[in-house]
Structure formats: C-alpha cells, structure tokens
C-alpha cells in the first residue's frame, strides 16, 4: 500500500509592537504558551527573540491572548505546511 508522505510542520509566531508586550499572555487551544519577551519594532521571523513561536501540524487553531486590563485578542490561526504565520498582537487588532 502506498501512502502519502507526512506533512511538514508549520509555525505560528506571536509578537507585539506594543510598549506593554511583556504583559501579553498567549493561549493556543487549551495550552498556555507563556508571555511575550518584549516589544518588537520590525516584523520578526519565526523564533526571533521576544516572540513565541510554536511548531504545529498544518490545520486551524484557536488562539487567545490577554494583555493588561481589558485588552485581549482572539482568532483562528491557519497553519500551512512549511510556512511561518506571523500574528502581531497590537492596538489595531485587539478585541
């Protein structure tokens, strides 16, 4: 029997260009991923300092992130094989 080759992993990279980035906590599905390391001025690459990057099987994942006070984000991240999805948690896309 011939089977398809397994899919290569994809990546989600969370970051923020907000001054209070260190206070942002991230949750993917039901797993707490931790807090961002700090503010990033320019668009990062996967695994850059101050990001949270995770390697995942290609599919859709729900995420939530929580900043100070009532600031929060939520959405669906679609992970594709061999690609790095960048998610900037900032003022423009907060809930």
C-alpha atoms as a PDB file:
ATOM      1  CA  UNK A   1       0.000   0.000   0.000  1.00  0.00           C
ATOM      2  CA  UNK A   2       1.293   3.424  -0.937  1.00  0.00           C
ATOM      3  CA  UNK A   3       0.570   6.252   1.471  1.00  0.00           C
ATOM      4  CA  UNK A   4       1.047   9.999   1.227  1.00  0.00           C
ATOM      5  CA  UNK A   5       4.184  11.426   2.760  1.00  0.00           C
ATOM      6  CA  UNK A   6       3.551  13.004   6.153  1.00  0.00           C
ATOM      7  CA  UNK A   7       3.011  16.742   6.149  1.00  0.00           C
ATOM      8  CA  UNK A   8       5.844  19.023   7.138  1.00  0.00           C
ATOM      9  CA  UNK A   9       5.195  21.172  10.218  1.00  0.00           C
ATOM     10  CA  UNK A  10       4.109  24.792  10.020  1.00  0.00           C
ATOM     11  CA  UNK A  11       4.747  27.560  12.541  1.00  0.00           C
ATOM     12  CA  UNK A  12       2.867  30.299  14.361  1.00  0.00           C
ATOM     13  CA  UNK A  13       4.910  33.242  15.595  1.00  0.00           C
ATOM     14  CA  UNK A  14       3.211  35.578  18.086  1.00  0.00           C
ATOM     15  CA  UNK A  15       4.702  39.027  18.688  1.00  0.00           C
ATOM     16  CA  UNK A  16       3.693  42.587  19.550  1.00  0.00           C
ATOM     17  CA  UNK A  17       4.813  46.102  18.688  1.00  0.00           C
ATOM     18  CA  UNK A  18       3.054  47.491  21.782  1.00  0.00           C
ATOM     19  CA  UNK A  19       5.049  49.005  24.627  1.00  0.00           C
ATOM     20  CA  UNK A  20       3.498  46.617  27.151  1.00  0.00           C
ATOM     21  CA  UNK A  21       4.232  43.487  25.120  1.00  0.00           C
ATOM     22  CA  UNK A  22       5.856  41.758  28.118  1.00  0.00           C
ATOM     23  CA  UNK A  23       2.465  41.602  29.852  1.00  0.00           C
ATOM     24  CA  UNK A  24       0.751  39.727  26.973  1.00  0.00           C
ATOM     25  CA  UNK A  25      -0.068  36.102  27.790  1.00  0.00           C
ATOM     26  CA  UNK A  26      -0.867  33.708  24.932  1.00  0.00           C
ATOM     27  CA  UNK A  27      -3.080  30.623  24.861  1.00  0.00           C
ATOM     28  CA  UNK A  28      -3.388  28.254  21.876  1.00  0.00           C
ATOM     29  CA  UNK A  29      -6.368  25.895  22.010  1.00  0.00           C
ATOM     30  CA  UNK A  30      -6.213  24.857  25.700  1.00  0.00           C
ATOM     31  CA  UNK A  31      -2.474  25.302  26.180  1.00  0.00           C
ATOM     32  CA  UNK A  32      -0.843  28.309  27.824  1.00  0.00           C
ATOM     33  CA  UNK A  33       2.219  29.259  25.779  1.00  0.00           C
ATOM     34  CA  UNK A  34       3.544  31.921  28.157  1.00  0.00           C
ATOM     35  CA  UNK A  35       4.252  35.644  27.890  1.00  0.00           C
ATOM     36  CA  UNK A  36       5.963  37.586  25.131  1.00  0.00           C
ATOM     37  CA  UNK A  37       9.552  38.623  25.835  1.00  0.00           C
ATOM     38  CA  UNK A  38       9.095  42.273  24.905  1.00  0.00           C
ATOM     39  CA  UNK A  39       8.232  44.786  22.194  1.00  0.00           C
ATOM     40  CA  UNK A  40       9.374  44.178  18.610  1.00  0.00           C
ATOM     41  CA  UNK A  41       9.810  47.209  16.345  1.00  0.00           C
ATOM     42  CA  UNK A  42      10.050  45.480  12.947  1.00  0.00           C
ATOM     43  CA  UNK A  43       8.318  42.374  11.641  1.00  0.00           C
ATOM     44  CA  UNK A  44      10.169  39.357  13.069  1.00  0.00           C
ATOM     45  CA  UNK A  45      10.965  35.935  11.678  1.00  0.00           C
ATOM     46  CA  UNK A  46       9.935  32.720  13.397  1.00  0.00           C
ATOM     47  CA  UNK A  47      11.988  32.027  16.533  1.00  0.00           C
ATOM     48  CA  UNK A  48      13.282  35.629  16.838  1.00  0.00           C
ATOM     49  CA  UNK A  49      13.931  36.966  20.328  1.00  0.00           C
ATOM     50  CA  UNK A  50      10.814  38.280  22.165  1.00  0.00           C
ATOM     51  CA  UNK A  51       8.442  36.122  20.092  1.00  0.00           C
ATOM     52  CA  UNK A  52       6.610  32.946  20.977  1.00  0.00           C
ATOM     53  CA  UNK A  53       6.961  30.537  18.066  1.00  0.00           C
ATOM     54  CA  UNK A  54       5.443  27.093  18.033  1.00  0.00           C
ATOM     55  CA  UNK A  55       5.769  24.254  15.517  1.00  0.00           C
ATOM     56  CA  UNK A  56       2.437  22.605  14.678  1.00  0.00           C
ATOM     57  CA  UNK A  57       0.691  20.173  12.374  1.00  0.00           C
ATOM     58  CA  UNK A  58      -0.948  22.054   9.466  1.00  0.00           C
ATOM     59  CA  UNK A  59      -4.572  22.859  10.384  1.00  0.00           C
ATOM     60  CA  UNK A  60      -6.637  25.602  12.089  1.00  0.00           C
ATOM     61  CA  UNK A  61      -6.038  26.565  15.717  1.00  0.00           C
ATOM     62  CA  UNK A  62      -7.935  28.939  18.001  1.00  0.00           C
ATOM     63  CA  UNK A  63      -5.847  31.408  19.956  1.00  0.00           C
ATOM     64  CA  UNK A  64      -6.463  33.943  22.686  1.00  0.00           C
ATOM     65  CA  UNK A  65      -4.116  36.494  24.158  1.00  0.00           C
ATOM     66  CA  UNK A  66      -4.532  38.676  27.206  1.00  0.00           C
ATOM     67  CA  UNK A  67      -2.854  41.979  27.948  1.00  0.00           C
ATOM     68  CA  UNK A  68      -3.251  44.290  30.919  1.00  0.00           C
ATOM     69  CA  UNK A  69      -6.745  45.277  31.980  1.00  0.00           C
ATOM     70  CA  UNK A  70      -9.403  44.546  29.382  1.00  0.00           C
ATOM     71  CA  UNK A  71      -7.081  44.308  26.365  1.00  0.00           C
ATOM     72  CA  UNK A  72      -7.369  40.935  24.663  1.00  0.00           C
ATOM     73  CA  UNK A  73      -7.250  39.231  21.300  1.00  0.00           C
ATOM     74  CA  UNK A  74      -8.761  36.088  19.825  1.00  0.00           C
ATOM     75  CA  UNK A  75      -8.885  34.454  16.460  1.00  0.00           C
ATOM     76  CA  UNK A  76      -8.173  31.444  14.312  1.00  0.00           C
ATOM     77  CA  UNK A  77      -4.674  30.789  13.001  1.00  0.00           C
ATOM     78  CA  UNK A  78      -4.413  28.628   9.890  1.00  0.00           C
ATOM     79  CA  UNK A  79      -1.097  26.796   9.901  1.00  0.00           C
ATOM     80  CA  UNK A  80       0.217  25.750   6.491  1.00  0.00           C
ATOM     81  CA  UNK A  81       2.937  23.227   5.751  1.00  0.00           C
ATOM     82  CA  UNK A  82       6.444  24.719   5.839  1.00  0.00           C
ATOM     83  CA  UNK A  83       5.216  28.284   6.452  1.00  0.00           C
ATOM     84  CA  UNK A  84       5.586  30.732   9.337  1.00  0.00           C
ATOM     85  CA  UNK A  85       2.374  32.588  10.219  1.00  0.00           C
ATOM     86  CA  UNK A  86       3.115  35.911  11.956  1.00  0.00           C
ATOM     87  CA  UNK A  87       0.475  37.222  14.376  1.00  0.00           C
ATOM     88  CA  UNK A  88       1.027  40.767  15.663  1.00  0.00           C
ATOM     89  CA  UNK A  89      -0.938  41.455  18.839  1.00  0.00           C
ATOM     90  CA  UNK A  90      -1.406  45.231  18.767  1.00  0.00           C
ATOM     91  CA  UNK A  91      -3.910  48.062  19.294  1.00  0.00           C
ATOM     92  CA  UNK A  92      -5.344  47.758  15.766  1.00  0.00           C
ATOM     93  CA  UNK A  93      -6.445  44.137  16.072  1.00  0.00           C
ATOM     94  CA  UNK A  94      -7.468  43.873  19.721  1.00  0.00           C
ATOM     95  CA  UNK A  95     -10.959  42.663  20.536  1.00  0.00           C
END
